[in-house]
Amino acid sequence: MHDTYLLKNILKYFQDQEDSASRKIKKVDFSISEFGSLNKEHFLEHYQQAVHGTRFQSLEIAIKMIPFGPELEITGLEFAGETEYREK
Protein backbone atom coordinates (compact mmCIF):
# COMPACT_ATOMS: atom_id res chain seq x y z
CA MET A 1 0.00 0.00 0.00
CA HIS A 2 1.28 3.45 -0.94
CA ASP A 3 0.44 4.98 2.47
CA THR A 4 2.38 2.31 4.36
CA TYR A 5 5.47 2.82 2.21
CA LEU A 6 5.20 6.60 2.53
CA LEU A 7 4.90 6.50 6.32
CA LYS A 8 7.72 3.98 6.66
CA ASN A 9 9.95 6.46 4.82
CA ILE A 10 8.76 9.36 6.99
CA LEU A 11 9.63 7.45 10.17
CA LYS A 12 13.03 6.55 8.72
CA TYR A 13 13.56 10.26 7.94
CA PHE A 14 12.67 11.18 11.54
CA GLN A 15 15.16 8.63 12.84
CA ASP A 16 17.89 9.90 10.51
CA GLN A 17 17.27 13.51 11.56
CA GLU A 18 17.39 12.63 15.26
CA ASP A 19 20.60 10.66 14.76
CA SER A 20 22.15 13.56 12.82
CA ALA A 21 21.12 16.21 15.38
CA SER A 22 21.74 13.98 18.41
CA ARG A 23 18.42 15.23 19.78
CA LYS A 24 14.84 14.06 19.77
CA ILE A 25 12.29 15.65 17.47
CA LYS A 26 9.58 17.49 19.37
CA LYS A 27 7.43 18.93 16.57
CA VAL A 28 6.91 18.27 12.86
CA ASP A 29 5.20 20.54 10.34
CA PHE A 30 3.67 18.99 7.24
CA SER A 31 2.02 20.62 4.25
CA ILE A 32 -0.57 18.83 2.13
CA SER A 33 -1.68 20.07 -1.27
CA GLU A 34 -5.41 20.67 -1.56
CA PHE A 35 -5.29 19.26 -5.09
CA GLY A 36 -3.42 16.06 -4.24
CA SER A 37 -4.88 12.66 -3.49
CA LEU A 38 -4.25 12.98 0.28
CA ASN A 39 -6.51 14.74 2.70
CA LYS A 40 -5.67 15.78 6.24
CA GLU A 41 -7.93 13.27 8.00
CA HIS A 42 -6.76 10.32 5.90
CA PHE A 43 -3.11 11.21 6.42
CA LEU A 44 -3.55 11.66 10.19
CA GLU A 45 -5.32 8.31 10.50
CA HIS A 46 -2.48 6.46 8.78
CA TYR A 47 0.18 8.54 10.54
CA GLN A 48 -1.23 7.74 13.97
CA GLN A 49 -1.37 4.03 13.13
CA ALA A 50 2.25 4.12 11.91
CA VAL A 51 3.65 5.88 14.99
CA HIS A 52 1.59 3.97 17.57
CA GLY A 53 3.95 2.23 19.97
CA THR A 54 7.03 3.98 18.58
CA ARG A 55 9.16 6.74 20.06
CA PHE A 56 7.49 9.13 17.61
CA GLN A 57 3.92 8.72 18.90
CA SER A 58 4.16 11.81 21.15
CA LEU A 59 5.41 14.22 18.47
CA GLU A 60 3.45 17.42 18.06
CA ILE A 61 2.11 17.53 14.51
CA ALA A 62 0.99 20.58 12.56
CA ILE A 63 -0.57 20.24 9.11
CA LYS A 64 -1.04 23.15 6.76
CA MET A 65 -3.21 22.78 3.70
CA ILE A 66 -1.70 24.59 0.72
CA PRO A 67 -3.41 25.40 -2.58
CA PHE A 68 -0.49 24.31 -4.76
CA GLY A 69 2.73 22.40 -4.28
CA PRO A 70 3.92 18.93 -3.40
CA GLU A 71 1.23 16.48 -2.35
CA LEU A 72 2.92 15.98 1.04
CA GLU A 73 5.98 17.72 2.42
CA ILE A 74 7.73 17.97 5.77
CA THR A 75 8.22 21.73 6.07
CA GLY A 76 9.81 22.00 9.50
CA LEU A 77 11.29 20.10 12.41
CA GLU A 78 11.71 21.28 15.98
CA PHE A 79 14.08 19.38 18.24
CA ALA A 80 13.88 19.11 22.02
CA GLY A 81 15.91 21.82 23.71
CA GLU A 82 15.92 23.97 20.58
CA THR A 83 14.72 27.55 20.74
CA GLU A 84 14.91 28.19 17.02
CA TYR A 85 12.68 26.36 14.59
CA ARG A 86 14.35 24.70 11.58
CA GLU A 87 12.57 25.07 8.28
CA LYS A 88 13.26 22.26 5.89
PDB file of N, CA and C in Angstrom:
ATOM      1  N   MET A   1       0.846  -1.192   0.000  1.00  0.00           N
ATOM      2  CA  MET A   1       0.000   0.000   0.000  1.00  0.00           C
ATOM      3  C   MET A   1       0.886   1.248   0.000  1.00  0.00           C
ATOM      4  N   HIS A   2       0.527   2.211  -0.789  1.00  0.00           N
ATOM      5  CA  HIS A   2       1.282   3.452  -0.942  1.00  0.00           C
ATOM      6  C   HIS A   2       1.457   4.173   0.391  1.00  0.00           C
ATOM      7  N   ASP A   3       0.379   4.256   1.191  1.00  0.00           N
ATOM      8  CA  ASP A   3       0.438   4.979   2.471  1.00  0.00           C
ATOM      9  C   ASP A   3       1.430   4.337   3.432  1.00  0.00           C
ATOM     10  N   THR A   4       1.460   3.019   3.474  1.00  0.00           N
ATOM     11  CA  THR A   4       2.377   2.313   4.364  1.00  0.00           C
ATOM     12  C   THR A   4       3.823   2.602   3.983  1.00  0.00           C
ATOM     13  N   TYR A   5       4.117   2.541   2.702  1.00  0.00           N
ATOM     14  CA  TYR A   5       5.468   2.819   2.210  1.00  0.00           C
ATOM     15  C   TYR A   5       5.862   4.261   2.513  1.00  0.00           C
ATOM     16  N   LEU A   6       4.956   5.178   2.274  1.00  0.00           N
ATOM     17  CA  LEU A   6       5.199   6.599   2.528  1.00  0.00           C
ATOM     18  C   LEU A   6       5.505   6.837   4.007  1.00  0.00           C
ATOM     19  N   LEU A   7       4.704   6.287   4.880  1.00  0.00           N
ATOM     20  CA  LEU A   7       4.903   6.504   6.316  1.00  0.00           C
ATOM     21  C   LEU A   7       6.144   5.801   6.835  1.00  0.00           C
ATOM     22  N   LYS A   8       6.474   4.655   6.281  1.00  0.00           N
ATOM     23  CA  LYS A   8       7.718   3.982   6.664  1.00  0.00           C
ATOM     24  C   LYS A   8       8.912   4.879   6.347  1.00  0.00           C
ATOM     25  N   ASN A   9       8.874   5.543   5.199  1.00  0.00           N
ATOM     26  CA  ASN A   9       9.947   6.462   4.822  1.00  0.00           C
ATOM     27  C   ASN A   9       9.971   7.707   5.702  1.00  0.00           C
ATOM     28  N   ILE A  10       8.823   8.202   6.097  1.00  0.00           N
ATOM     29  CA  ILE A  10       8.758   9.359   6.992  1.00  0.00           C
ATOM     30  C   ILE A  10       9.390   9.013   8.339  1.00  0.00           C
ATOM     31  N   LEU A  11       9.058   7.848   8.881  1.00  0.00           N
ATOM     32  CA  LEU A  11       9.633   7.446  10.170  1.00  0.00           C
ATOM     33  C   LEU A  11      11.140   7.235  10.066  1.00  0.00           C
ATOM     34  N   LYS A  12      11.592   6.710   8.953  1.00  0.00           N
ATOM     35  CA  LYS A  12      13.033   6.551   8.715  1.00  0.00           C
ATOM     36  C   LYS A  12      13.695   7.936   8.662  1.00  0.00           C
ATOM     37  N   TYR A  13      13.050   8.888   8.006  1.00  0.00           N
ATOM     38  CA  TYR A  13      13.562  10.255   7.937  1.00  0.00           C
ATOM     39  C   TYR A  13      13.671  10.864   9.343  1.00  0.00           C
ATOM     40  N   PHE A  14      12.630  10.690  10.164  1.00  0.00           N
ATOM     41  CA  PHE A  14      12.669  11.184  11.544  1.00  0.00           C
ATOM     42  C   PHE A  14      13.873  10.599  12.286  1.00  0.00           C
ATOM     43  N   GLN A  15      14.042   9.293  12.166  1.00  0.00           N
ATOM     44  CA  GLN A  15      15.155   8.628  12.843  1.00  0.00           C
ATOM     45  C   GLN A  15      16.493   9.180  12.367  1.00  0.00           C
ATOM     46  N   ASP A  16      16.649   9.359  11.062  1.00  0.00           N
ATOM     47  CA  ASP A  16      17.894   9.900  10.511  1.00  0.00           C
ATOM     48  C   ASP A  16      18.159  11.313  11.012  1.00  0.00           C
ATOM     49  N   GLN A  17      17.116  12.129  11.085  1.00  0.00           N
ATOM     50  CA  GLN A  17      17.272  13.507  11.561  1.00  0.00           C
ATOM     51  C   GLN A  17      17.647  13.550  13.042  1.00  0.00           C
ATOM     52  N   GLU A  18      17.029  12.688  13.839  1.00  0.00           N
ATOM     53  CA  GLU A  18      17.390  12.633  15.258  1.00  0.00           C
ATOM     54  C   GLU A  18      18.829  12.162  15.429  1.00  0.00           C
ATOM     55  N   ASP A  19      19.222  11.165  14.677  1.00  0.00           N
ATOM     56  CA  ASP A  19      20.597  10.663  14.761  1.00  0.00           C
ATOM     57  C   ASP A  19      21.583  11.754  14.361  1.00  0.00           C
ATOM     58  N   SER A  20      21.273  12.490  13.315  1.00  0.00           N
ATOM     59  CA  SER A  20      22.149  13.556  12.817  1.00  0.00           C
ATOM     60  C   SER A  20      22.263  14.710  13.819  1.00  0.00           C
ATOM     61  N   ALA A  21      21.139  15.079  14.433  1.00  0.00           N
ATOM     62  CA  ALA A  21      21.118  16.209  15.375  1.00  0.00           C
ATOM     63  C   ALA A  21      21.482  15.797  16.796  1.00  0.00           C
ATOM     64  N   SER A  22      21.510  14.512  17.058  1.00  0.00           N
ATOM     65  CA  SER A  22      21.738  13.977  18.413  1.00  0.00           C
ATOM     66  C   SER A  22      20.735  14.538  19.421  1.00  0.00           C
ATOM     67  N   ARG A  23      19.521  14.768  18.932  1.00  0.00           N
ATOM     68  CA  ARG A  23      18.418  15.230  19.778  1.00  0.00           C
ATOM     69  C   ARG A  23      17.119  14.639  19.264  1.00  0.00           C
ATOM     70  N   LYS A  24      16.150  14.586  20.149  1.00  0.00           N
ATOM     71  CA  LYS A  24      14.841  14.059  19.768  1.00  0.00           C
ATOM     72  C   LYS A  24      13.998  15.148  19.106  1.00  0.00           C
ATOM     73  N   ILE A  25      13.226  14.736  18.118  1.00  0.00           N
ATOM     74  CA  ILE A  25      12.291  15.651  17.470  1.00  0.00           C
ATOM     75  C   ILE A  25      11.114  15.865  18.416  1.00  0.00           C
ATOM     76  N   LYS A  26      10.697  17.118  18.504  1.00  0.00           N
ATOM     77  CA  LYS A  26       9.584  17.494  19.370  1.00  0.00           C
ATOM     78  C   LYS A  26       8.337  17.843  18.546  1.00  0.00           C
ATOM     79  N   LYS A  27       8.556  18.467  17.384  1.00  0.00           N
ATOM     80  CA  LYS A  27       7.429  18.927  16.565  1.00  0.00           C
ATOM     81  C   LYS A  27       7.772  18.773  15.095  1.00  0.00           C
ATOM     82  N   VAL A  28       6.756  18.409  14.311  1.00  0.00           N
ATOM     83  CA  VAL A  28       6.911  18.271  12.862  1.00  0.00           C
ATOM     84  C   VAL A  28       5.796  19.049  12.183  1.00  0.00           C
ATOM     85  N   ASP A  29       6.173  19.841  11.174  1.00  0.00           N
ATOM     86  CA  ASP A  29       5.196  20.543  10.337  1.00  0.00           C
ATOM     87  C   ASP A  29       5.130  19.848   8.992  1.00  0.00           C
ATOM     88  N   PHE A  30       3.917  19.559   8.553  1.00  0.00           N
ATOM     89  CA  PHE A  30       3.666  18.993   7.237  1.00  0.00           C
ATOM     90  C   PHE A  30       2.845  19.989   6.435  1.00  0.00           C
ATOM     91  N   SER A  31       2.969  19.929   5.123  1.00  0.00           N
ATOM     92  CA  SER A  31       2.021  20.619   4.253  1.00  0.00           C
ATOM     93  C   SER A  31       1.434  19.567   3.321  1.00  0.00           C
ATOM     94  N   ILE A  32       0.146  19.719   3.036  1.00  0.00           N
ATOM     95  CA  ILE A  32      -0.570  18.830   2.131  1.00  0.00           C
ATOM     96  C   ILE A  32      -1.256  19.690   1.084  1.00  0.00           C
ATOM     97  N   SER A  33      -1.060  19.335  -0.179  1.00  0.00           N
ATOM     98  CA  SER A  33      -1.683  20.074  -1.268  1.00  0.00           C
ATOM     99  C   SER A  33      -3.181  19.781  -1.323  1.00  0.00           C
ATOM    100  N   GLU A  34      -3.955  20.819  -1.460  1.00  0.00           N
ATOM    101  CA  GLU A  34      -5.410  20.672  -1.558  1.00  0.00           C
ATOM    102  C   GLU A  34      -5.817  19.926  -2.825  1.00  0.00           C
ATOM    103  N   PHE A  35      -4.954  19.903  -3.830  1.00  0.00           N
ATOM    104  CA  PHE A  35      -5.293  19.258  -5.094  1.00  0.00           C
ATOM    105  C   PHE A  35      -4.644  17.892  -5.257  1.00  0.00           C
ATOM    106  N   GLY A  36      -4.021  17.387  -4.202  1.00  0.00           N
ATOM    107  CA  GLY A  36      -3.419  16.060  -4.244  1.00  0.00           C
ATOM    108  C   GLY A  36      -4.435  14.996  -3.877  1.00  0.00           C
ATOM    109  N   SER A  37      -3.978  13.771  -3.812  1.00  0.00           N
ATOM    110  CA  SER A  37      -4.881  12.663  -3.487  1.00  0.00           C
ATOM    111  C   SER A  37      -5.014  12.447  -1.980  1.00  0.00           C
ATOM    112  N   LEU A  38      -4.163  13.104  -1.175  1.00  0.00           N
ATOM    113  CA  LEU A  38      -4.250  12.984   0.283  1.00  0.00           C
ATOM    114  C   LEU A  38      -5.181  14.041   0.843  1.00  0.00           C
ATOM    115  N   ASN A  39      -5.832  13.696   1.934  1.00  0.00           N
ATOM    116  CA  ASN A  39      -6.509  14.736   2.705  1.00  0.00           C
ATOM    117  C   ASN A  39      -6.014  14.637   4.139  1.00  0.00           C
ATOM    118  N   LYS A  40      -6.219  15.668   4.889  1.00  0.00           N
ATOM    119  CA  LYS A  40      -5.670  15.780   6.240  1.00  0.00           C
ATOM    120  C   LYS A  40      -6.115  14.624   7.138  1.00  0.00           C
ATOM    121  N   GLU A  41      -7.400  14.314   7.131  1.00  0.00           N
ATOM    122  CA  GLU A  41      -7.930  13.273   8.003  1.00  0.00           C
ATOM    123  C   GLU A  41      -7.362  11.900   7.647  1.00  0.00           C
ATOM    124  N   HIS A  42      -7.296  11.604   6.368  1.00  0.00           N
ATOM    125  CA  HIS A  42      -6.762  10.319   5.900  1.00  0.00           C
ATOM    126  C   HIS A  42      -5.289  10.187   6.287  1.00  0.00           C
ATOM    127  N   PHE A  43      -4.516  11.239   6.063  1.00  0.00           N
ATOM    128  CA  PHE A  43      -3.105  11.207   6.417  1.00  0.00           C
ATOM    129  C   PHE A  43      -2.935  11.008   7.924  1.00  0.00           C
ATOM    130  N   LEU A  44      -3.671  11.774   8.735  1.00  0.00           N
ATOM    131  CA  LEU A  44      -3.550  11.655  10.189  1.00  0.00           C
ATOM    132  C   LEU A  44      -3.906  10.260  10.694  1.00  0.00           C
ATOM    133  N   GLU A  45      -4.926   9.658  10.101  1.00  0.00           N
ATOM    134  CA  GLU A  45      -5.324   8.310  10.495  1.00  0.00           C
ATOM    135  C   GLU A  45      -4.171   7.323  10.266  1.00  0.00           C
ATOM    136  N   HIS A  46      -3.578   7.362   9.089  1.00  0.00           N
ATOM    137  CA  HIS A  46      -2.476   6.458   8.776  1.00  0.00           C
ATOM    138  C   HIS A  46      -1.211   6.815   9.571  1.00  0.00           C
ATOM    139  N   TYR A  47      -0.980   8.093   9.762  1.00  0.00           N
ATOM    140  CA  TYR A  47       0.184   8.535  10.535  1.00  0.00           C
ATOM    141  C   TYR A  47       0.090   8.006  11.966  1.00  0.00           C
ATOM    142  N   GLN A  48      -1.065   8.181  12.592  1.00  0.00           N
ATOM    143  CA  GLN A  48      -1.230   7.743  13.973  1.00  0.00           C
ATOM    144  C   GLN A  48      -1.090   6.227  14.103  1.00  0.00           C
ATOM    145  N   GLN A  49      -1.562   5.487  13.118  1.00  0.00           N
ATOM    146  CA  GLN A  49      -1.373   4.033  13.131  1.00  0.00           C
ATOM    147  C   GLN A  49       0.109   3.688  13.011  1.00  0.00           C
ATOM    148  N   ALA A  50       0.828   4.409  12.155  1.00  0.00           N
ATOM    149  CA  ALA A  50       2.247   4.115  11.913  1.00  0.00           C
ATOM    150  C   ALA A  50       3.117   4.431  13.126  1.00  0.00           C
ATOM    151  N   VAL A  51       2.799   5.488  13.862  1.00  0.00           N
ATOM    152  CA  VAL A  51       3.647   5.881  14.992  1.00  0.00           C
ATOM    153  C   VAL A  51       3.228   5.233  16.312  1.00  0.00           C
ATOM    154  N   HIS A  52       2.073   4.599  16.336  1.00  0.00           N
ATOM    155  CA  HIS A  52       1.590   3.974  17.571  1.00  0.00           C
ATOM    156  C   HIS A  52       2.624   2.967  18.079  1.00  0.00           C
ATOM    157  N   GLY A  53       2.990   3.130  19.342  1.00  0.00           N
ATOM    158  CA  GLY A  53       3.945   2.226  19.965  1.00  0.00           C
ATOM    159  C   GLY A  53       5.397   2.507  19.621  1.00  0.00           C
ATOM    160  N   THR A  54       5.654   3.607  18.911  1.00  0.00           N
ATOM    161  CA  THR A  54       7.030   3.981  18.579  1.00  0.00           C
ATOM    162  C   THR A  54       7.425   5.209  19.392  1.00  0.00           C
ATOM    163  N   ARG A  55       8.689   5.558  19.325  1.00  0.00           N
ATOM    164  CA  ARG A  55       9.160   6.740  20.055  1.00  0.00           C
ATOM    165  C   ARG A  55       8.628   8.037  19.456  1.00  0.00           C
ATOM    166  N   PHE A  56       8.004   7.944  18.278  1.00  0.00           N
ATOM    167  CA  PHE A  56       7.485   9.135  17.606  1.00  0.00           C
ATOM    168  C   PHE A  56       6.009   9.399  17.886  1.00  0.00           C
ATOM    169  N   GLN A  57       5.363   8.566  18.694  1.00  0.00           N
ATOM    170  CA  GLN A  57       3.924   8.721  18.898  1.00  0.00           C
ATOM    171  C   GLN A  57       3.551   9.993  19.664  1.00  0.00           C
ATOM    172  N   SER A  58       4.489  10.597  20.379  1.00  0.00           N
ATOM    173  CA  SER A  58       4.155  11.807  21.148  1.00  0.00           C
ATOM    174  C   SER A  58       4.577  13.100  20.449  1.00  0.00           C
ATOM    175  N   LEU A  59       5.019  13.008  19.200  1.00  0.00           N
ATOM    176  CA  LEU A  59       5.410  14.221  18.475  1.00  0.00           C
ATOM    177  C   LEU A  59       4.215  15.140  18.279  1.00  0.00           C
ATOM    178  N   GLU A  60       4.468  16.421  18.404  1.00  0.00           N
ATOM    179  CA  GLU A  60       3.447  17.417  18.065  1.00  0.00           C
ATOM    180  C   GLU A  60       3.434  17.537  16.544  1.00  0.00           C
ATOM    181  N   ILE A  61       2.257  17.489  15.959  1.00  0.00           N
ATOM    182  CA  ILE A  61       2.105  17.527  14.506  1.00  0.00           C
ATOM    183  C   ILE A  61       1.275  18.747  14.123  1.00  0.00           C
ATOM    184  N   ALA A  62       1.760  19.474  13.128  1.00  0.00           N
ATOM    185  CA  ALA A  62       0.988  20.579  12.559  1.00  0.00           C
ATOM    186  C   ALA A  62       0.872  20.315  11.058  1.00  0.00           C
ATOM    187  N   ILE A  63      -0.341  20.458  10.536  1.00  0.00           N
ATOM    188  CA  ILE A  63      -0.566  20.236   9.108  1.00  0.00           C
ATOM    189  C   ILE A  63      -1.183  21.484   8.517  1.00  0.00           C
ATOM    190  N   LYS A  64      -0.543  21.971   7.474  1.00  0.00           N
ATOM    191  CA  LYS A  64      -1.037  23.153   6.764  1.00  0.00           C
ATOM    192  C   LYS A  64      -1.490  22.707   5.382  1.00  0.00           C
ATOM    193  N   MET A  65      -2.712  23.050   5.045  1.00  0.00           N
ATOM    194  CA  MET A  65      -3.212  22.776   3.697  1.00  0.00           C
ATOM    195  C   MET A  65      -2.771  23.930   2.798  1.00  0.00           C
ATOM    196  N   ILE A  66      -2.176  23.573   1.652  1.00  0.00           N
ATOM    197  CA  ILE A  66      -1.705  24.591   0.719  1.00  0.00           C
ATOM    198  C   ILE A  66      -2.431  24.422  -0.613  1.00  0.00           C
ATOM    199  N   PRO A  67      -2.672  25.515  -1.325  1.00  0.00           N
ATOM    200  CA  PRO A  67      -3.414  25.399  -2.577  1.00  0.00           C
ATOM    201  C   PRO A  67      -2.618  24.695  -3.688  1.00  0.00           C
ATOM    202  N   PHE A  68      -1.321  24.906  -3.723  1.00  0.00           N
ATOM    203  CA  PHE A  68      -0.487  24.309  -4.763  1.00  0.00           C
ATOM    204  C   PHE A  68       0.811  23.837  -4.137  1.00  0.00           C
ATOM    205  N   GLY A  69       1.443  22.878  -4.761  1.00  0.00           N
ATOM    206  CA  GLY A  69       2.730  22.397  -4.282  1.00  0.00           C
ATOM    207  C   GLY A  69       2.755  20.897  -4.185  1.00  0.00           C
ATOM    208  N   PRO A  70       3.804  20.381  -3.542  1.00  0.00           N
ATOM    209  CA  PRO A  70       3.925  18.931  -3.398  1.00  0.00           C
ATOM    210  C   PRO A  70       2.716  18.357  -2.657  1.00  0.00           C
ATOM    211  N   GLU A  71       2.376  17.121  -2.982  1.00  0.00           N
ATOM    212  CA  GLU A  71       1.232  16.480  -2.346  1.00  0.00           C
ATOM    213  C   GLU A  71       1.403  16.406  -0.829  1.00  0.00           C
ATOM    214  N   LEU A  72       2.607  16.048  -0.382  1.00  0.00           N
ATOM    215  CA  LEU A  72       2.920  15.984   1.041  1.00  0.00           C
ATOM    216  C   LEU A  72       4.364  16.396   1.211  1.00  0.00           C
ATOM    217  N   GLU A  73       4.611  17.279   2.176  1.00  0.00           N
ATOM    218  CA  GLU A  73       5.982  17.723   2.420  1.00  0.00           C
ATOM    219  C   GLU A  73       6.174  17.989   3.905  1.00  0.00           C
ATOM    220  N   ILE A  74       7.340  17.598   4.407  1.00  0.00           N
ATOM    221  CA  ILE A  74       7.734  17.973   5.765  1.00  0.00           C
ATOM    222  C   ILE A  74       8.368  19.351   5.632  1.00  0.00           C
ATOM    223  N   THR A  75       7.758  20.347   6.251  1.00  0.00           N
ATOM    224  CA  THR A  75       8.216  21.725   6.069  1.00  0.00           C
ATOM    225  C   THR A  75       9.015  22.258   7.246  1.00  0.00           C
ATOM    226  N   GLY A  76       9.029  21.537   8.365  1.00  0.00           N
ATOM    227  CA  GLY A  76       9.811  22.001   9.501  1.00  0.00           C
ATOM    228  C   GLY A  76       9.933  20.941  10.566  1.00  0.00           C
ATOM    229  N   LEU A  77      11.040  20.997  11.276  1.00  0.00           N
ATOM    230  CA  LEU A  77      11.295  20.104  12.410  1.00  0.00           C
ATOM    231  C   LEU A  77      11.756  20.946  13.590  1.00  0.00           C
ATOM    232  N   GLU A  78      11.242  20.637  14.766  1.00  0.00           N
ATOM    233  CA  GLU A  78      11.713  21.285  15.982  1.00  0.00           C
ATOM    234  C   GLU A  78      12.240  20.183  16.900  1.00  0.00           C
ATOM    235  N   PHE A  79      13.448  20.372  17.379  1.00  0.00           N
ATOM    236  CA  PHE A  79      14.085  19.384  18.235  1.00  0.00           C
ATOM    237  C   PHE A  79      13.962  19.807  19.693  1.00  0.00           C
ATOM    238  N   ALA A  80      13.939  18.844  20.585  1.00  0.00           N
ATOM    239  CA  ALA A  80      13.884  19.110  22.023  1.00  0.00           C
ATOM    240  C   ALA A  80      15.079  19.958  22.424  1.00  0.00           C
ATOM    241  N   GLY A  81      14.840  20.959  23.242  1.00  0.00           N
ATOM    242  CA  GLY A  81      15.907  21.825  23.712  1.00  0.00           C
ATOM    243  C   GLY A  81      16.294  22.907  22.723  1.00  0.00           C
ATOM    244  N   GLU A  82      15.603  22.989  21.626  1.00  0.00           N
ATOM    245  CA  GLU A  82      15.920  23.972  20.583  1.00  0.00           C
ATOM    246  C   GLU A  82      15.000  25.172  20.740  1.00  0.00           C
ATOM    247  N   THR A  83      15.546  26.350  20.648  1.00  0.00           N
ATOM    248  CA  THR A  83      14.715  27.555  20.742  1.00  0.00           C
ATOM    249  C   THR A  83      14.372  28.092  19.356  1.00  0.00           C
ATOM    250  N   GLU A  84      15.157  27.733  18.380  1.00  0.00           N
ATOM    251  CA  GLU A  84      14.909  28.190  17.016  1.00  0.00           C
ATOM    252  C   GLU A  84      14.338  27.043  16.209  1.00  0.00           C
ATOM    253  N   TYR A  85      13.359  27.353  15.393  1.00  0.00           N
ATOM    254  CA  TYR A  85      12.676  26.355  14.585  1.00  0.00           C
ATOM    255  C   TYR A  85      13.403  26.197  13.245  1.00  0.00           C
ATOM    256  N   ARG A  86      13.654  24.969  12.855  1.00  0.00           N
ATOM    257  CA  ARG A  86      14.346  24.699  11.580  1.00  0.00           C
ATOM    258  C   ARG A  86      13.343  24.455  10.471  1.00  0.00           C
ATOM    259  N   GLU A  87      13.386  25.297   9.479  1.00  0.00           N
ATOM    260  CA  GLU A  87      12.568  25.075   8.284  1.00  0.00           C
ATOM    261  C   GLU A  87      13.325  24.109   7.396  1.00  0.00           C
ATOM    262  N   LYS A  88      12.631  23.223   6.788  1.00  0.00           N
ATOM    263  CA  LYS A  88      13.262  22.260   5.887  1.00  0.00           C
ATOM    264  C   LYS A  88      13.405  22.879   4.518  1.00  0.00           C
TER     265      LYS A  88
END
